[in-house]
Amino acid sequence: MPAAATRGAPPGPAGFPLVGVFPMARRDPLGFFTECVRRHGDLVAMRLGPHRVYLLRHPDHVKHVLQDNARAYAKGPTVSRVRPLFGKSLTMVDGERWRGRRRHVQPAFQPGLHGSFTSVVLQTVAELLDRWRLLAERGEPADLAGEMRRLAQTIIIRACFGNI
């Protein structure tokens, strides 16, 4: 993974013409990004297709982008391609629309509210593991994508409406 030679940009992998690092990142995302940080440090620049993207690892960098200087950063053109999936949710909007939606969900992130959420997650994961254990004992396959979707839905429902 040779370093990109873009003047003024943080170091990063060079990637391929046109597609940048997309093939490497798609093949093994966790391994690729871990190797980027190991080789290039806490701030890594790379091309993903026609776009220059940045990998921020250090909490101070993330805080700078998301909190201290958020007005200087926008979601970018890629958001328009995935907007049909997420609508105008918190993850898709910027600026004042983002701040308004963020204020609505802020109470859910107050200290002291996570203890009950932790027990919901632990109980739901334990139930999932029990179900998987039974499937394994019977030699039956499990649809992991479906199982993960079901896990997330169950956690959300229980956290919002109680243990139903």
Protein backbone atom coordinates (compact mmCIF):
# COMPACT_ATOMS: atom_id res chain seq x y z
CA MET A 1 0.00 0.00 0.00
CA PRO A 2 2.23 2.87 -1.22
CA ALA A 3 1.57 6.32 0.17
CA ALA A 4 -0.35 8.90 -1.85
CA ALA A 5 1.79 11.83 -2.95
CA THR A 6 -0.69 14.71 -2.73
CA ARG A 7 0.90 17.97 -1.61
CA GLY A 8 -0.55 19.34 1.65
CA ALA A 9 -2.71 16.30 2.33
CA PRO A 10 -2.07 13.85 5.15
CA PRO A 11 -0.30 10.64 4.12
CA GLY A 12 -2.29 7.67 2.90
CA PRO A 13 -2.47 4.79 0.45
CA ALA A 14 -2.19 5.68 -3.24
CA GLY A 15 -4.88 3.34 -4.53
CA PHE A 16 -5.62 2.68 -8.19
CA PRO A 17 -6.48 5.04 -11.05
CA LEU A 18 -10.20 5.94 -11.14
CA VAL A 19 -11.31 3.70 -8.23
CA GLY A 20 -8.74 4.73 -5.63
CA VAL A 21 -8.67 2.43 -2.61
CA PHE A 22 -12.18 1.06 -3.16
CA PRO A 23 -11.10 -2.50 -4.14
CA MET A 24 -8.83 -2.85 -1.11
CA ALA A 25 -11.35 -1.34 1.30
CA ARG A 26 -14.18 -3.49 -0.03
CA ARG A 27 -12.24 -6.75 0.19
CA ASP A 28 -11.40 -6.40 3.90
CA PRO A 29 -12.64 -3.09 5.35
CA LEU A 30 -11.47 -3.61 8.93
CA GLY A 31 -8.08 -4.98 7.89
CA PHE A 32 -7.59 -2.24 5.30
CA PHE A 33 -8.40 0.65 7.64
CA THR A 34 -6.38 -0.88 10.48
CA GLU A 35 -3.37 -1.16 8.17
CA CYS A 36 -3.88 2.45 6.99
CA VAL A 37 -3.66 3.70 10.58
CA ARG A 38 -0.69 1.46 11.35
CA ARG A 39 1.23 2.73 8.30
CA HIS A 40 0.12 6.34 8.04
CA GLY A 41 -0.98 7.45 11.51
CA ASP A 42 -4.12 8.89 13.09
CA LEU A 43 -5.10 11.01 10.07
CA VAL A 44 -5.12 9.26 6.69
CA ALA A 45 -6.07 10.70 3.28
CA MET A 46 -7.14 8.49 0.39
CA ARG A 47 -9.18 8.48 -2.79
CA LEU A 48 -12.41 6.50 -2.81
CA GLY A 49 -13.46 6.60 -6.44
CA PRO A 50 -13.37 10.26 -7.52
CA HIS A 51 -13.61 11.57 -3.94
CA ARG A 52 -10.85 12.37 -1.46
CA VAL A 53 -11.81 10.97 1.94
CA TYR A 54 -10.16 11.08 5.33
CA LEU A 55 -9.87 8.46 8.02
CA LEU A 56 -9.78 10.03 11.48
CA ARG A 57 -8.67 7.81 14.33
CA HIS A 58 -7.63 10.13 17.12
CA PRO A 59 -10.50 11.38 19.32
CA ASP A 60 -9.20 14.97 19.07
CA HIS A 61 -9.53 14.87 15.27
CA VAL A 62 -13.05 13.44 15.47
CA LYS A 63 -14.01 16.09 18.04
CA HIS A 64 -12.62 18.81 15.77
CA VAL A 65 -14.75 17.68 12.83
CA LEU A 66 -17.96 16.70 14.61
CA GLN A 67 -18.07 19.19 17.45
CA ASP A 68 -15.60 22.09 17.45
CA ASN A 69 -15.71 22.94 13.75
CA ALA A 70 -18.78 21.08 12.44
CA ARG A 71 -19.98 24.03 10.33
CA ALA A 72 -16.90 23.67 8.11
CA TYR A 73 -17.72 20.07 7.15
CA ALA A 74 -20.62 18.84 5.03
CA LYS A 75 -21.88 15.34 4.29
CA GLY A 76 -20.81 15.61 0.64
CA PRO A 77 -22.19 14.37 -2.68
CA THR A 78 -22.29 10.70 -1.69
CA VAL A 79 -25.19 11.40 0.67
CA SER A 80 -27.51 12.12 -2.27
CA ARG A 81 -27.05 8.53 -3.47
CA VAL A 82 -28.06 6.93 -0.17
CA ARG A 83 -30.72 9.46 0.85
CA PRO A 84 -33.55 7.24 -0.49
CA LEU A 85 -32.53 4.64 2.11
CA PHE A 86 -32.33 7.01 5.09
CA GLY A 87 -34.61 9.90 4.14
CA LYS A 88 -33.97 13.13 6.01
CA SER A 89 -32.68 11.42 9.15
CA LEU A 90 -30.04 12.79 11.48
CA THR A 91 -27.32 10.99 9.52
CA MET A 92 -28.29 12.64 6.24
CA VAL A 93 -28.74 16.33 7.04
CA ASP A 94 -26.36 19.18 7.86
CA GLY A 95 -26.47 22.58 9.49
CA GLU A 96 -29.59 23.81 11.26
CA ARG A 97 -31.66 20.78 10.21
CA TRP A 98 -29.05 18.53 11.83
CA ARG A 99 -28.95 20.65 15.00
CA GLY A 100 -32.76 20.55 15.31
CA ARG A 101 -32.92 16.78 14.93
CA ARG A 102 -29.95 16.33 17.25
CA ARG A 103 -31.71 18.34 19.98
CA HIS A 104 -34.67 15.95 19.72
CA VAL A 105 -32.55 12.88 20.39
CA GLN A 106 -30.21 14.51 22.93
CA PRO A 107 -32.19 13.30 25.98
CA ALA A 108 -31.47 9.69 25.02
CA PHE A 109 -27.73 10.33 25.50
CA GLN A 110 -27.82 11.73 29.02
CA PRO A 111 -25.65 10.09 31.69
CA GLY A 112 -27.48 7.59 33.84
CA LEU A 113 -29.82 6.36 31.12
CA HIS A 114 -27.49 3.71 29.77
CA GLY A 115 -27.66 1.25 32.66
CA SER A 116 -31.09 -0.03 31.64
CA PHE A 117 -30.07 -0.05 27.98
CA THR A 118 -27.07 -2.22 28.82
CA SER A 119 -29.30 -4.83 30.42
CA VAL A 120 -31.59 -4.80 27.35
CA VAL A 121 -28.62 -5.41 25.05
CA LEU A 122 -27.14 -8.13 27.29
CA GLN A 123 -30.46 -9.98 27.59
CA THR A 124 -31.19 -9.77 23.87
CA VAL A 125 -27.70 -10.96 22.88
CA ALA A 126 -27.94 -13.84 25.39
CA GLU A 127 -31.23 -14.92 23.78
CA LEU A 128 -29.63 -14.72 20.34
CA LEU A 129 -26.70 -16.88 21.46
CA ASP A 130 -29.10 -19.44 22.95
CA ARG A 131 -30.97 -19.58 19.64
CA TRP A 132 -27.70 -20.00 17.73
CA ARG A 133 -26.58 -22.73 20.11
CA LEU A 134 -29.76 -24.69 19.35
CA LEU A 135 -29.28 -24.21 15.60
CA ALA A 136 -25.67 -25.40 15.88
CA GLU A 137 -26.68 -28.47 17.88
CA ARG A 138 -29.18 -29.38 15.15
CA GLY A 139 -26.64 -28.59 12.42
CA GLU A 140 -28.89 -25.91 10.94
CA PRO A 141 -27.49 -22.80 9.24
CA ALA A 142 -28.23 -19.28 10.44
CA ASP A 143 -28.89 -16.29 8.19
CA LEU A 144 -26.46 -13.88 9.85
CA ALA A 145 -27.70 -10.76 8.05
CA GLY A 146 -31.26 -11.55 9.09
CA GLU A 147 -30.17 -12.43 12.62
CA MET A 148 -28.28 -9.15 13.03
CA ARG A 149 -31.24 -7.18 11.66
CA ARG A 150 -33.55 -9.01 14.09
CA LEU A 151 -31.14 -8.35 16.97
CA ALA A 152 -31.01 -4.62 16.24
CA GLN A 153 -34.79 -4.39 15.86
CA THR A 154 -35.41 -6.28 19.11
CA ILE A 155 -32.97 -4.08 21.03
CA ILE A 156 -34.56 -0.91 19.65
CA ILE A 157 -38.11 -2.09 20.41
CA ARG A 158 -37.23 -3.20 23.93
CA ALA A 159 -35.28 -0.01 24.66
CA CYS A 160 -38.16 2.17 23.46
CA PHE A 161 -41.19 0.19 24.63
CA GLY A 162 -39.99 -2.17 27.34
CA ASN A 163 -39.37 -5.89 27.31
CA ILE A 164 -42.21 -7.15 25.10
